[in-house]
Protein backbone atom coordinates (compact mmCIF):
# COMPACT_ATOMS: atom_id res chain seq x y z
CA MET A 1 82.50 -62.77 -52.70
CA GLY A 2 85.83 -63.77 -54.34
CA LEU A 3 87.43 -60.29 -54.09
CA GLU A 4 86.46 -59.95 -50.34
CA LEU A 5 88.10 -63.43 -49.80
CA LYS A 6 91.20 -62.14 -51.49
CA VAL A 7 91.46 -58.92 -49.45
CA ALA A 8 90.79 -60.75 -46.22
CA ARG A 9 93.51 -63.05 -47.00
CA ILE A 10 96.05 -60.69 -47.93
CA ARG A 11 95.16 -58.48 -44.95
CA LEU A 12 96.03 -61.49 -42.72
CA GLY A 13 99.17 -61.85 -44.37
CA LEU A 14 98.34 -65.35 -45.69
CA TYR A 15 99.50 -66.62 -48.99
CA LEU A 16 97.14 -68.46 -51.20
CA TYR A 17 98.59 -71.88 -50.70
CA GLU A 18 98.60 -71.50 -47.04
CA VAL A 19 94.89 -70.87 -46.85
CA ALA A 20 94.23 -73.66 -49.58
CA ARG A 21 96.07 -76.12 -47.36
CA MET A 22 93.95 -75.02 -44.24
CA VAL A 23 90.80 -76.10 -45.89
CA GLY A 24 92.01 -79.06 -47.79
CA ILE A 25 91.89 -77.75 -51.59
CA THR A 26 94.40 -76.77 -54.11
CA PRO A 27 95.68 -73.10 -54.49
CA ALA A 28 94.38 -73.28 -58.12
CA ARG A 29 90.95 -74.05 -56.93
CA LEU A 30 91.07 -71.30 -54.26
CA SER A 31 92.15 -68.81 -56.86
CA GLN A 32 89.19 -69.73 -58.97
CA PHE A 33 87.03 -68.75 -55.89
CA GLU A 34 88.85 -65.55 -55.39
CA GLY A 35 88.71 -64.54 -58.96
CA GLY A 36 84.97 -65.09 -59.12
CA HIS A 37 85.14 -67.94 -61.70
CA ARG A 38 83.60 -70.60 -59.46
CA LYS A 39 81.62 -70.48 -56.13
CA PRO A 40 82.68 -72.85 -53.12
CA PRO A 41 80.20 -75.43 -51.87
CA PRO A 42 78.40 -74.12 -48.77
CA ASP A 43 80.39 -76.21 -46.22
CA LEU A 44 83.90 -75.03 -47.84
CA GLU A 45 82.61 -71.43 -47.98
CA GLU A 46 81.93 -71.57 -44.20
CA LYS A 47 85.51 -72.77 -43.52
CA LEU A 48 87.06 -69.90 -45.67
CA TRP A 49 85.02 -67.25 -43.91
CA ALA A 50 85.95 -68.79 -40.36
CA ILE A 51 89.63 -68.95 -41.34
CA LEU A 52 89.69 -65.43 -42.72
CA GLY A 53 87.83 -64.05 -39.80
CA LEU A 54 84.72 -62.97 -41.72
CA PRO A 55 81.24 -63.62 -40.73
CA ALA A 56 79.19 -65.99 -43.16
CA LYS A 57 76.16 -63.74 -42.43
CA LYS A 58 77.79 -60.71 -44.29
CA GLN A 59 78.46 -62.90 -47.23
CA ASN A 60 74.83 -63.94 -47.09
CA GLU A 61 73.79 -60.38 -46.87
CA ASP A 62 75.93 -59.65 -49.96
CA GLU A 63 74.16 -62.30 -51.99
CA GLN A 64 70.60 -60.83 -51.24
CA LYS A 65 71.83 -57.32 -52.58
CA SER A 66 72.71 -58.97 -56.01
């Protein structure tokens, strides 16, 4: 999930601090999510997917493959 978040953010031309501000967290926390060190709570995860234009369904499919 983390790398996909980062790639989507970069493709949109958004900086880490911009996305973090949009969802109400610190850039450091978002960096932890993108690096795969932490998993965001479900409500925050949905906000991130929505902002980055990725369907939450895709993320759920990826979890089932693991």
